[in-house]
C-alpha atoms as a PDB file:
ATOM      1  CA  UNK A   1      -0.500   0.004   0.091  1.00  0.00           C
ATOM      2  CA  UNK A   2       2.667   2.307   1.080  1.00  0.00           C
ATOM      3  CA  UNK A   3       3.914   2.473  -3.040  1.00  0.00           C
ATOM      4  CA  UNK A   4       0.337   3.194  -4.274  1.00  0.00           C
ATOM      5  CA  UNK A   5       0.121   5.495  -1.387  1.00  0.00           C
ATOM      6  CA  UNK A   6       3.404   7.455  -2.374  1.00  0.00           C
ATOM      7  CA  UNK A   7       2.607   7.398  -6.255  1.00  0.00           C
ATOM      8  CA  UNK A   8      -0.904   9.070  -5.884  1.00  0.00           C
ATOM      9  CA  UNK A   9      -0.148  11.773  -3.015  1.00  0.00           C
ATOM     10  CA  UNK A  10       0.474  15.385  -3.702  1.00  0.00           C
ATOM     11  CA  UNK A  11       1.374  15.983  -0.100  1.00  0.00           C
ATOM     12  CA  UNK A  12       4.776  14.793  -0.544  1.00  0.00           C
ATOM     13  CA  UNK A  13       7.675  16.270   1.813  1.00  0.00           C
ATOM     14  CA  UNK A  14       8.703  17.992  -1.079  1.00  0.00           C
ATOM     15  CA  UNK A  15       5.148  19.549  -1.468  1.00  0.00           C
ATOM     16  CA  UNK A  16       4.234  20.173   1.970  1.00  0.00           C
ATOM     17  CA  UNK A  17       7.707  22.240   2.912  1.00  0.00           C
ATOM     18  CA  UNK A  18       6.491  25.016  -0.051  1.00  0.00           C
ATOM     19  CA  UNK A  19       3.263  24.916   1.773  1.00  0.00           C
ATOM     20  CA  UNK A  20       3.244  27.827   4.179  1.00  0.00           C
ATOM     21  CA  UNK A  21       3.624  26.743   7.601  1.00  0.00           C
ATOM     22  CA  UNK A  22       0.419  27.867   8.563  1.00  0.00           C
ATOM     23  CA  UNK A  23      -1.605  26.006   6.081  1.00  0.00           C
ATOM     24  CA  UNK A  24      -3.082  22.088   6.989  1.00  0.00           C
ATOM     25  CA  UNK A  25      -0.544  19.348   6.129  1.00  0.00           C
ATOM     26  CA  UNK A  26      -1.440  16.349   3.834  1.00  0.00           C
ATOM     27  CA  UNK A  27      -0.570  13.278   5.214  1.00  0.00           C
ATOM     28  CA  UNK A  28      -1.297   8.971   4.881  1.00  0.00           C
ATOM     29  CA  UNK A  29      -5.118   8.203   5.989  1.00  0.00           C
ATOM     30  CA  UNK A  30      -4.906   6.176   9.122  1.00  0.00           C
ATOM     31  CA  UNK A  31      -6.166   2.533   9.028  1.00  0.00           C
ATOM     32  CA  UNK A  32      -9.675   3.407   9.517  1.00  0.00           C
ATOM     33  CA  UNK A  33      -9.691   6.138   7.031  1.00  0.00           C
ATOM     34  CA  UNK A  34      -8.092   4.099   4.299  1.00  0.00           C
ATOM     35  CA  UNK A  35     -10.977   1.336   4.979  1.00  0.00           C
ATOM     36  CA  UNK A  36     -13.463   4.259   4.461  1.00  0.00           C
ATOM     37  CA  UNK A  37     -11.495   5.225   1.044  1.00  0.00           C
ATOM     38  CA  UNK A  38     -11.076   1.905  -0.349  1.00  0.00           C
ATOM     39  CA  UNK A  39     -15.125   1.104  -0.075  1.00  0.00           C
ATOM     40  CA  UNK A  40     -16.072   4.478  -1.275  1.00  0.00           C
ATOM     41  CA  UNK A  41     -13.416   5.639  -3.945  1.00  0.00           C
ATOM     42  CA  UNK A  42     -15.446   8.734  -5.138  1.00  0.00           C
ATOM     43  CA  UNK A  43     -15.051  10.426  -1.607  1.00  0.00           C
ATOM     44  CA  UNK A  44     -11.686  11.834  -3.535  1.00  0.00           C
ATOM     45  CA  UNK A  45     -10.209  13.277   0.363  1.00  0.00           C
ATOM     46  CA  UNK A  46     -11.405  14.945   3.283  1.00  0.00           C
ATOM     47  CA  UNK A  47     -10.691  17.520   5.727  1.00  0.00           C
ATOM     48  CA  UNK A  48      -9.788  15.543   9.157  1.00  0.00           C
ATOM     49  CA  UNK A  49      -9.218  16.894  12.704  1.00  0.00           C
ATOM     50  CA  UNK A  50     -10.625  19.323  14.485  1.00  0.00           C
ATOM     51  CA  UNK A  51     -13.925  17.334  15.039  1.00  0.00           C
ATOM     52  CA  UNK A  52     -14.318  16.673  10.849  1.00  0.00           C
ATOM     53  CA  UNK A  53     -15.487  13.773   9.801  1.00  0.00           C
ATOM     54  CA  UNK A  54     -15.814  11.971  13.004  1.00  0.00           C
ATOM     55  CA  UNK A  55     -12.607  13.055  14.172  1.00  0.00           C
ATOM     56  CA  UNK A  56     -11.756  14.467  18.270  1.00  0.00           C
ATOM     57  CA  UNK A  57     -11.767  18.158  18.167  1.00  0.00           C
ATOM     58  CA  UNK A  58      -8.006  17.788  19.462  1.00  0.00           C
ATOM     59  CA  UNK A  59      -6.912  15.627  16.487  1.00  0.00           C
ATOM     60  CA  UNK A  60      -4.700  17.928  14.723  1.00  0.00           C
ATOM     61  CA  UNK A  61      -6.558  19.278  11.476  1.00  0.00           C
ATOM     62  CA  UNK A  62      -5.326  17.672   8.145  1.00  0.00           C
ATOM     63  CA  UNK A  63      -5.928  16.709   4.512  1.00  0.00           C
ATOM     64  CA  UNK A  64      -5.901  13.401   3.797  1.00  0.00           C
ATOM     65  CA  UNK A  65      -6.271  11.989  -0.049  1.00  0.00           C
ATOM     66  CA  UNK A  66      -8.358   8.861  -1.149  1.00  0.00           C
ATOM     67  CA  UNK A  67      -5.305   6.845  -2.560  1.00  0.00           C
ATOM     68  CA  UNK A  68      -8.306   4.754  -4.394  1.00  0.00           C
ATOM     69  CA  UNK A  69      -9.780   7.840  -6.032  1.00  0.00           C
ATOM     70  CA  UNK A  70      -8.524   8.506  -9.723  1.00  0.00           C
ATOM     71  CA  UNK A  71      -7.551  11.881  -9.922  1.00  0.00           C
ATOM     72  CA  UNK A  72      -4.957  13.307 -11.622  1.00  0.00           C
ATOM     73  CA  UNK A  73      -2.368  15.584  -9.823  1.00  0.00           C
ATOM     74  CA  UNK A  74      -3.796  18.483 -10.539  1.00  0.00           C
ATOM     75  CA  UNK A  75      -6.962  17.111  -9.529  1.00  0.00           C
ATOM     76  CA  UNK A  76      -5.362  16.004  -6.493  1.00  0.00           C
ATOM     77  CA  UNK A  77      -4.066  19.479  -5.691  1.00  0.00           C
ATOM     78  CA  UNK A  78      -8.186  21.238  -5.983  1.00  0.00           C
ATOM     79  CA  UNK A  79      -9.135  18.798  -3.393  1.00  0.00           C
ATOM     80  CA  UNK A  80      -6.160  19.587  -1.144  1.00  0.00           C
ATOM     81  CA  UNK A  81      -7.523  23.305  -1.216  1.00  0.00           C
ATOM     82  CA  UNK A  82     -10.662  22.621  -1.241  1.00  0.00           C
ATOM     83  CA  UNK A  83      -9.957  20.695   2.425  1.00  0.00           C
ATOM     84  CA  UNK A  84      -8.011  23.133   3.343  1.00  0.00           C
ATOM     85  CA  UNK A  85     -10.595  25.968   2.725  1.00  0.00           C
ATOM     86  CA  UNK A  86     -12.895  23.564   4.772  1.00  0.00           C
ATOM     87  CA  UNK A  87     -10.792  23.471   7.761  1.00  0.00           C
ATOM     88  CA  UNK A  88     -10.382  27.633   7.421  1.00  0.00           C
ATOM     89  CA  UNK A  89     -13.751  28.099   7.534  1.00  0.00           C
ATOM     90  CA  UNK A  90     -14.328  25.400  10.448  1.00  0.00           C
ATOM     91  CA  UNK A  91     -12.009  27.269  12.854  1.00  0.00           C
ATOM     92  CA  UNK A  92     -13.193  30.549  11.972  1.00  0.00           C
ATOM     93  CA  UNK A  93     -16.732  29.136  12.581  1.00  0.00           C
ATOM     94  CA  UNK A  94     -17.926  30.309   9.457  1.00  0.00           C
ATOM     95  CA  UNK A  95     -21.343  30.111   8.674  1.00  0.00           C
ATOM     96  CA  UNK A  96     -22.595  31.523   4.606  1.00  0.00           C
ATOM     97  CA  UNK A  97     -25.494  33.729   4.891  1.00  0.00           C
ATOM     98  CA  UNK A  98     -26.464  32.527   1.220  1.00  0.00           C
ATOM     99  CA  UNK A  99     -28.879  29.959   0.729  1.00  0.00           C
ATOM    100  CA  UNK A 100     -28.514  27.223  -1.633  1.00  0.00           C
ATOM    101  CA  UNK A 101     -30.176  26.956  -4.929  1.00  0.00           C
ATOM    102  CA  UNK A 102     -32.657  24.243  -5.531  1.00  0.00           C
ATOM    103  CA  UNK A 103     -30.448  22.927  -8.476  1.00  0.00           C
ATOM    104  CA  UNK A 104     -27.447  22.642  -5.568  1.00  0.00           C
ATOM    105  CA  UNK A 105     -30.127  21.083  -3.024  1.00  0.00           C
ATOM    106  CA  UNK A 106     -30.886  18.661  -5.620  1.00  0.00           C
ATOM    107  CA  UNK A 107     -27.303  17.425  -6.499  1.00  0.00           C
ATOM    108  CA  UNK A 108     -26.264  17.028  -3.156  1.00  0.00           C
ATOM    109  CA  UNK A 109     -29.544  15.504  -1.935  1.00  0.00           C
ATOM    110  CA  UNK A 110     -28.673  11.690  -1.341  1.00  0.00           C
ATOM    111  CA  UNK A 111     -25.112  12.686   0.144  1.00  0.00           C
ATOM    112  CA  UNK A 112     -24.340  13.557   3.959  1.00  0.00           C
ATOM    113  CA  UNK A 113     -24.709  17.285   2.967  1.00  0.00           C
ATOM    114  CA  UNK A 114     -28.106  17.118   1.907  1.00  0.00           C
ATOM    115  CA  UNK A 115     -29.306  16.210   5.140  1.00  0.00           C
ATOM    116  CA  UNK A 116     -30.681  19.495   7.190  1.00  0.00           C
ATOM    117  CA  UNK A 117     -28.822  19.384   9.693  1.00  0.00           C
ATOM    118  CA  UNK A 118     -25.624  19.343   7.536  1.00  0.00           C
ATOM    119  CA  UNK A 119     -26.653  22.726   5.630  1.00  0.00           C
ATOM    120  CA  UNK A 120     -23.703  24.809   7.232  1.00  0.00           C
ATOM    121  CA  UNK A 121     -21.371  21.912   5.724  1.00  0.00           C
ATOM    122  CA  UNK A 122     -22.982  22.233   2.522  1.00  0.00           C
ATOM    123  CA  UNK A 123     -22.580  25.761   2.478  1.00  0.00           C
ATOM    124  CA  UNK A 124     -18.889  25.676   3.466  1.00  0.00           C
ATOM    125  CA  UNK A 125     -18.877  22.510   0.841  1.00  0.00           C
ATOM    126  CA  UNK A 126     -19.868  25.246  -1.890  1.00  0.00           C
ATOM    127  CA  UNK A 127     -17.989  28.050  -1.063  1.00  0.00           C
ATOM    128  CA  UNK A 128     -14.667  25.913  -1.385  1.00  0.00           C
ATOM    129  CA  UNK A 129     -16.134  24.259  -4.552  1.00  0.00           C
ATOM    130  CA  UNK A 130     -16.478  27.968  -5.582  1.00  0.00           C
ATOM    131  CA  UNK A 131     -13.009  29.111  -4.938  1.00  0.00           C
ATOM    132  CA  UNK A 132     -11.312  26.058  -6.532  1.00  0.00           C
ATOM    133  CA  UNK A 133     -13.958  26.215  -9.728  1.00  0.00           C
ATOM    134  CA  UNK A 134     -15.014  22.509  -9.041  1.00  0.00           C
ATOM    135  CA  UNK A 135     -18.117  22.208 -11.441  1.00  0.00           C
ATOM    136  CA  UNK A 136     -20.139  20.535  -8.721  1.00  0.00           C
ATOM    137  CA  UNK A 137     -20.996  23.651  -6.749  1.00  0.00           C
ATOM    138  CA  UNK A 138     -23.457  24.225  -9.762  1.00  0.00           C
ATOM    139  CA  UNK A 139     -24.749  27.300 -10.954  1.00  0.00           C
ATOM    140  CA  UNK A 140     -23.350  30.052  -8.260  1.00  0.00           C
ATOM    141  CA  UNK A 141     -25.132  33.016  -7.813  1.00  0.00           C
ATOM    142  CA  UNK A 142     -23.503  36.755  -7.283  1.00  0.00           C
ATOM    143  CA  UNK A 143     -24.123  36.576  -3.587  1.00  0.00           C
ATOM    144  CA  UNK A 144     -22.191  32.845  -3.230  1.00  0.00           C
ATOM    145  CA  UNK A 145     -19.364  34.236  -5.510  1.00  0.00           C
ATOM    146  CA  UNK A 146     -19.357  37.648  -3.054  1.00  0.00           C
ATOM    147  CA  UNK A 147     -18.669  35.232  -0.174  1.00  0.00           C
ATOM    148  CA  UNK A 148     -16.257  32.895  -1.699  1.00  0.00           C
ATOM    149  CA  UNK A 149     -14.343  35.888  -2.387  1.00  0.00           C
ATOM    150  CA  UNK A 150     -14.542  37.296   1.133  1.00  0.00           C
ATOM    151  CA  UNK A 151     -13.223  33.837   2.198  1.00  0.00           C
ATOM    152  CA  UNK A 152     -10.512  33.538  -0.625  1.00  0.00           C
ATOM    153  CA  UNK A 153      -9.389  36.671   0.490  1.00  0.00           C
ATOM    154  CA  UNK A 154      -8.968  36.161   4.500  1.00  0.00           C
ATOM    155  CA  UNK A 155      -7.694  32.633   3.982  1.00  0.00           C
ATOM    156  CA  UNK A 156      -4.982  34.204   1.729  1.00  0.00           C
ATOM    157  CA  UNK A 157      -4.099  36.807   4.033  1.00  0.00           C
ATOM    158  CA  UNK A 158      -3.758  34.226   7.254  1.00  0.00           C
ATOM    159  CA  UNK A 159      -2.161  31.051   4.974  1.00  0.00           C
ATOM    160  CA  UNK A 160      -0.823  32.761   1.644  1.00  0.00           C
ATOM    161  CA  UNK A 161      -2.304  31.501  -1.702  1.00  0.00           C
ATOM    162  CA  UNK A 162      -4.119  28.337  -2.628  1.00  0.00           C
ATOM    163  CA  UNK A 163      -2.055  26.011  -4.338  1.00  0.00           C
ATOM    164  CA  UNK A 164      -3.593  26.183  -8.043  1.00  0.00           C
ATOM    165  CA  UNK A 165      -2.918  29.882  -7.313  1.00  0.00           C
ATOM    166  CA  UNK A 166       0.659  31.027  -9.377  1.00  0.00           C
ATOM    167  CA  UNK A 167       1.812  34.175  -9.179  1.00  0.00           C
ATOM    168  CA  UNK A 168       1.462  36.553 -12.293  1.00  0.00           C
ATOM    169  CA  UNK A 169       4.009  36.578 -14.818  1.00  0.00           C
ATOM    170  CA  UNK A 170       4.783  39.755 -16.802  1.00  0.00           C
ATOM    171  CA  UNK A 171       2.875  38.447 -20.000  1.00  0.00           C
ATOM    172  CA  UNK A 172      -0.274  37.669 -17.232  1.00  0.00           C
ATOM    173  CA  UNK A 173       0.021  41.357 -15.902  1.00  0.00           C
ATOM    174  CA  UNK A 174       0.237  43.061 -19.357  1.00  0.00           C
ATOM    175  CA  UNK A 175      -2.525  40.794 -21.270  1.00  0.00           C
ATOM    176  CA  UNK A 176      -4.878  41.869 -17.453  1.00  0.00           C
ATOM    177  CA  UNK A 177      -4.247  45.058 -18.254  1.00  0.00           C
ATOM    178  CA  UNK A 178      -4.693  45.004 -22.232  1.00  0.00           C
ATOM    179  CA  UNK A 179      -7.473  43.615 -21.591  1.00  0.00           C
ATOM    180  CA  UNK A 180      -9.133  46.030 -18.835  1.00  0.00           C
ATOM    181  CA  UNK A 181      -8.458  48.769 -21.044  1.00  0.00           C
ATOM    182  CA  UNK A 182     -10.669  46.991 -23.814  1.00  0.00           C
ATOM    183  CA  UNK A 183     -13.457  46.816 -21.259  1.00  0.00           C
END
């Protein structure tokens, strides 16, 4: 199992050393999580610790990826960012004020997020998925987009950029300025 996991894991020691120290590290799944992941390859990873996903509130906050998932390395990066955002919102006790759309509620209907008692988790998941560009967030409202931008800004102030965010090149900056002038 170790070789499979090491080949799969985006949270290698090298990658973790590049992450800001205050971010939530990617760690190998524990035995119980590994069993769950094996039985649920559709679950790509999760935020664990701090009381999330049946962890103890005193457990350190980490991200675990599912080695049985078929995601690419790039997709794994989005999952890591998504789960780090979930930890961040959980720590801040952030409760998004928007209401999920009927389409969003419908698409999560047969999941844990579809249960009425998990509405806060659903909204946090939507925010994280909006930020990382996950299409499963569905049709995003302006209100949801504004909240996502606020969460992303707050996260960056405390933890630095998410892994999918790259510093713009000079060419990117010039092209952006040209596009702004053309509007």
